[in-house]
Amino acid sequence: MKRGIFDLVFFIILFTTPWWLGVLFAFFGVFFFENFYEFIISGIIIYSLYTIPGSSIFTSLVSFFSIIVLLYVFIQLLRDKIIFYNNKF
C-alpha cells in the first residue's frame, strides 16, 4: 500500500514540479523500496519533458537510457553494501 501511494505521488510530482524534485524523489524511492524500477521510467519521462533537441551523442535517448540503467544497477549494488540495509548486528 505504501509503495502504491508513493508511486502515485511520485508520478504526480514528475509532471507538476521542477525536474530536480522528481530526481530527488526517484533517489529516495530507490533507497527505500526494493526493485524500484520506476526510477528508470522516471528517467525517461524527465528526459522526454526537459531535453533540448540536438545532434550530439549526449542528447540521444539511447545514451541517456544507458546511463540511467547503469546508475540504477550501481545504486542497487551500493545499496547492498550500506550498513543501514544489513540486518546483521
N, C-alpha and C. Protein backbone atom coordinates (compact mmCIF):
# COMPACT_ATOMS: atom_id res chain seq x y z
N MET A 1 0.82 -1.19 0.00
CA MET A 1 0.00 0.00 0.00
C MET A 1 0.86 1.26 0.00
N LYS A 2 1.96 1.23 0.79
CA LYS A 2 2.84 2.40 0.85
C LYS A 2 3.46 2.69 -0.51
N ARG A 3 3.87 1.64 -1.19
CA ARG A 3 4.52 1.84 -2.48
C ARG A 3 3.54 2.36 -3.53
N GLY A 4 2.32 1.90 -3.51
CA GLY A 4 1.32 2.39 -4.45
C GLY A 4 1.04 3.87 -4.25
N ILE A 5 0.91 4.28 -3.01
CA ILE A 5 0.69 5.70 -2.72
C ILE A 5 1.91 6.52 -3.10
N PHE A 6 3.11 5.99 -2.79
CA PHE A 6 4.33 6.69 -3.16
C PHE A 6 4.43 6.83 -4.68
N ASP A 7 4.10 5.77 -5.42
CA ASP A 7 4.15 5.84 -6.89
C ASP A 7 3.18 6.87 -7.44
N LEU A 8 1.99 6.92 -6.89
CA LEU A 8 1.01 7.90 -7.34
C LEU A 8 1.51 9.32 -7.10
N VAL A 9 2.00 9.59 -5.90
CA VAL A 9 2.53 10.91 -5.57
C VAL A 9 3.77 11.20 -6.42
N PHE A 10 4.60 10.20 -6.62
CA PHE A 10 5.83 10.36 -7.39
C PHE A 10 5.55 10.77 -8.84
N PHE A 11 4.61 10.11 -9.49
CA PHE A 11 4.32 10.45 -10.88
C PHE A 11 3.58 11.78 -11.01
N ILE A 12 2.81 12.15 -10.00
CA ILE A 12 2.23 13.49 -10.00
C ILE A 12 3.32 14.54 -9.87
N ILE A 13 4.30 14.27 -9.01
CA ILE A 13 5.43 15.19 -8.83
C ILE A 13 6.24 15.30 -10.12
N LEU A 14 6.41 14.20 -10.84
CA LEU A 14 7.18 14.26 -12.09
C LEU A 14 6.58 15.23 -13.10
N PHE A 15 5.27 15.30 -13.15
CA PHE A 15 4.61 16.13 -14.16
C PHE A 15 4.28 17.54 -13.69
N THR A 16 4.35 17.81 -12.39
CA THR A 16 3.90 19.11 -11.90
C THR A 16 4.98 19.95 -11.22
N THR A 17 6.14 19.38 -10.96
CA THR A 17 7.18 20.12 -10.25
C THR A 17 8.43 20.20 -11.12
N PRO A 18 9.43 20.97 -10.70
CA PRO A 18 10.69 21.01 -11.45
C PRO A 18 11.38 19.65 -11.48
N TRP A 19 12.26 19.46 -12.46
CA TRP A 19 12.88 18.16 -12.67
C TRP A 19 13.71 17.71 -11.48
N TRP A 20 14.35 18.62 -10.77
CA TRP A 20 15.23 18.23 -9.67
C TRP A 20 14.46 17.63 -8.50
N LEU A 21 13.21 18.03 -8.32
CA LEU A 21 12.41 17.45 -7.26
C LEU A 21 12.01 16.01 -7.62
N GLY A 22 11.73 15.78 -8.89
CA GLY A 22 11.43 14.42 -9.35
C GLY A 22 12.63 13.49 -9.21
N VAL A 23 13.82 14.03 -9.49
CA VAL A 23 15.05 13.23 -9.34
C VAL A 23 15.29 12.91 -7.87
N LEU A 24 15.04 13.87 -7.00
CA LEU A 24 15.21 13.65 -5.57
C LEU A 24 14.27 12.54 -5.08
N PHE A 25 13.02 12.58 -5.51
CA PHE A 25 12.07 11.53 -5.13
C PHE A 25 12.46 10.18 -5.74
N ALA A 26 13.03 10.19 -6.93
CA ALA A 26 13.46 8.93 -7.56
C ALA A 26 14.57 8.28 -6.74
N PHE A 27 15.55 9.07 -6.31
CA PHE A 27 16.62 8.52 -5.49
C PHE A 27 16.08 8.05 -4.14
N PHE A 28 15.15 8.78 -3.58
CA PHE A 28 14.51 8.36 -2.34
C PHE A 28 13.83 7.01 -2.52
N GLY A 29 13.12 6.84 -3.62
CA GLY A 29 12.42 5.58 -3.89
C GLY A 29 13.37 4.41 -4.09
N VAL A 30 14.51 4.65 -4.74
CA VAL A 30 15.48 3.58 -4.96
C VAL A 30 16.04 3.08 -3.64
N PHE A 31 16.29 3.98 -2.71
CA PHE A 31 16.88 3.56 -1.45
C PHE A 31 15.88 3.01 -0.45
N PHE A 32 14.60 3.31 -0.60
CA PHE A 32 13.64 2.86 0.40
C PHE A 32 12.70 1.76 -0.08
N PHE A 33 12.71 1.44 -1.37
CA PHE A 33 11.85 0.36 -1.87
C PHE A 33 12.70 -0.65 -2.63
N GLU A 34 12.31 -1.90 -2.51
CA GLU A 34 13.01 -2.98 -3.21
C GLU A 34 12.59 -2.99 -4.68
N ASN A 35 13.55 -3.14 -5.58
CA ASN A 35 13.31 -3.21 -7.03
C ASN A 35 12.45 -2.04 -7.52
N PHE A 36 12.93 -0.85 -7.31
CA PHE A 36 12.19 0.36 -7.69
C PHE A 36 12.48 0.69 -9.15
N TYR A 37 11.81 -0.05 -10.06
CA TYR A 37 12.02 0.13 -11.49
C TYR A 37 11.42 1.43 -12.01
N GLU A 38 10.63 2.08 -11.19
CA GLU A 38 10.08 3.37 -11.57
C GLU A 38 11.18 4.41 -11.76
N PHE A 39 12.34 4.15 -11.19
CA PHE A 39 13.50 5.03 -11.37
C PHE A 39 13.85 5.14 -12.85
N ILE A 40 13.85 4.02 -13.55
CA ILE A 40 14.18 4.02 -14.97
C ILE A 40 13.07 4.70 -15.78
N ILE A 41 11.83 4.41 -15.43
CA ILE A 41 10.70 5.03 -16.14
C ILE A 41 10.70 6.53 -15.90
N SER A 42 10.99 6.95 -14.67
CA SER A 42 11.01 8.39 -14.38
C SER A 42 12.14 9.08 -15.13
N GLY A 43 13.26 8.41 -15.30
CA GLY A 43 14.35 8.99 -16.08
C GLY A 43 13.95 9.25 -17.51
N ILE A 44 13.21 8.32 -18.11
CA ILE A 44 12.74 8.50 -19.48
C ILE A 44 11.71 9.62 -19.55
N ILE A 45 10.84 9.71 -18.55
CA ILE A 45 9.84 10.79 -18.53
C ILE A 45 10.53 12.14 -18.39
N ILE A 46 11.47 12.25 -17.47
CA ILE A 46 12.20 13.52 -17.29
C ILE A 46 12.96 13.87 -18.54
N TYR A 47 13.57 12.89 -19.19
CA TYR A 47 14.29 13.15 -20.44
C TYR A 47 13.35 13.67 -21.52
N SER A 48 12.19 13.05 -21.63
CA SER A 48 11.27 13.48 -22.70
C SER A 48 10.64 14.84 -22.41
N LEU A 49 10.52 15.21 -21.16
CA LEU A 49 9.94 16.51 -20.83
C LEU A 49 10.93 17.66 -20.90
N TYR A 50 12.18 17.43 -20.52
CA TYR A 50 13.12 18.53 -20.33
C TYR A 50 14.31 18.53 -21.28
N THR A 51 14.38 17.64 -22.24
CA THR A 51 15.54 17.59 -23.12
C THR A 51 15.49 18.70 -24.17
N ILE A 52 16.67 19.09 -24.61
CA ILE A 52 16.80 20.05 -25.69
C ILE A 52 17.24 19.27 -26.92
N PRO A 53 16.53 19.40 -28.03
CA PRO A 53 16.91 18.63 -29.23
C PRO A 53 18.31 19.00 -29.71
N GLY A 54 19.04 17.99 -30.13
CA GLY A 54 20.37 18.21 -30.64
C GLY A 54 20.87 16.98 -31.36
N SER A 55 22.01 17.12 -32.00
CA SER A 55 22.56 16.00 -32.76
C SER A 55 23.75 15.37 -32.04
N SER A 56 24.02 15.77 -30.83
CA SER A 56 25.14 15.24 -30.07
C SER A 56 24.81 13.85 -29.53
N ILE A 57 25.83 13.06 -29.26
CA ILE A 57 25.63 11.74 -28.68
C ILE A 57 25.09 11.85 -27.26
N PHE A 58 25.36 12.96 -26.59
CA PHE A 58 24.91 13.13 -25.21
C PHE A 58 23.43 13.47 -25.11
N THR A 59 22.83 13.88 -26.20
CA THR A 59 21.40 14.21 -26.18
C THR A 59 20.54 13.11 -26.79
N SER A 60 21.12 11.96 -27.10
CA SER A 60 20.32 10.88 -27.68
C SER A 60 19.66 10.06 -26.57
N LEU A 61 18.50 9.52 -26.87
CA LEU A 61 17.75 8.73 -25.90
C LEU A 61 18.49 7.45 -25.52
N VAL A 62 19.21 6.87 -26.46
CA VAL A 62 19.92 5.61 -26.18
C VAL A 62 21.01 5.82 -25.14
N SER A 63 21.79 6.88 -25.28
CA SER A 63 22.86 7.13 -24.31
C SER A 63 22.28 7.49 -22.94
N PHE A 64 21.21 8.28 -22.92
CA PHE A 64 20.60 8.64 -21.66
C PHE A 64 20.01 7.42 -20.97
N PHE A 65 19.32 6.56 -21.73
CA PHE A 65 18.75 5.34 -21.17
C PHE A 65 19.85 4.43 -20.62
N SER A 66 20.97 4.32 -21.33
CA SER A 66 22.08 3.50 -20.86
C SER A 66 22.65 4.04 -19.55
N ILE A 67 22.78 5.35 -19.45
CA ILE A 67 23.29 5.95 -18.23
C ILE A 67 22.33 5.71 -17.07
N ILE A 68 21.03 5.83 -17.31
CA ILE A 68 20.04 5.61 -16.26
C ILE A 68 20.08 4.16 -15.78
N VAL A 69 20.17 3.21 -16.70
CA VAL A 69 20.21 1.79 -16.31
C VAL A 69 21.49 1.48 -15.54
N LEU A 70 22.62 2.00 -15.99
CA LEU A 70 23.88 1.79 -15.27
C LEU A 70 23.84 2.42 -13.88
N LEU A 71 23.24 3.59 -13.78
CA LEU A 71 23.11 4.25 -12.48
C LEU A 71 22.22 3.43 -11.55
N TYR A 72 21.14 2.87 -12.08
CA TYR A 72 20.25 2.03 -11.28
C TYR A 72 20.99 0.79 -10.77
N VAL A 73 21.74 0.13 -11.63
CA VAL A 73 22.49 -1.06 -11.23
C VAL A 73 23.54 -0.70 -10.19
N PHE A 74 24.24 0.42 -10.39
CA PHE A 74 25.25 0.86 -9.43
C PHE A 74 24.62 1.15 -8.07
N ILE A 75 23.48 1.80 -8.05
CA ILE A 75 22.82 2.11 -6.79
C ILE A 75 22.36 0.84 -6.10
N GLN A 76 21.87 -0.14 -6.86
CA GLN A 76 21.45 -1.41 -6.26
C GLN A 76 22.65 -2.14 -5.64
N LEU A 77 23.79 -2.13 -6.32
CA LEU A 77 24.99 -2.77 -5.77
C LEU A 77 25.49 -2.02 -4.55
N LEU A 78 25.46 -0.70 -4.59
CA LEU A 78 25.89 0.12 -3.47
C LEU A 78 24.95 -0.06 -2.28
N ARG A 79 23.70 -0.20 -2.56
CA ARG A 79 22.69 -0.34 -1.51
C ARG A 79 22.92 -1.59 -0.67
N ASP A 80 23.39 -2.66 -1.30
CA ASP A 80 23.67 -3.89 -0.56
C ASP A 80 24.86 -3.76 0.37
N LYS A 81 25.74 -2.79 0.12
CA LYS A 81 26.94 -2.61 0.94
C LYS A 81 26.74 -1.64 2.10
N ILE A 82 25.65 -0.90 2.10
CA ILE A 82 25.42 0.08 3.15
C ILE A 82 24.95 -0.63 4.41
N ILE A 83 25.49 -0.24 5.54
CA ILE A 83 25.18 -0.88 6.81
C ILE A 83 23.70 -0.73 7.16
N PHE A 84 23.08 0.37 6.73
CA PHE A 84 21.67 0.63 7.04
C PHE A 84 20.77 -0.50 6.56
N TYR A 85 21.13 -1.18 5.49
CA TYR A 85 20.30 -2.22 4.94
C TYR A 85 20.65 -3.62 5.45
N ASN A 86 21.76 -3.76 6.15
CA ASN A 86 22.13 -5.05 6.69
C ASN A 86 21.46 -5.23 8.05
N ASN A 87 20.76 -6.33 8.23
CA ASN A 87 20.05 -6.59 9.48
C ASN A 87 20.89 -7.41 10.44
N LYS A 88 22.15 -7.63 10.14
CA LYS A 88 23.03 -8.42 11.00
C LYS A 88 23.75 -7.49 11.96
N PHE A 89 23.65 -7.80 13.25
CA PHE A 89 24.35 -6.99 14.26
C PHE A 89 25.38 -7.81 14.95
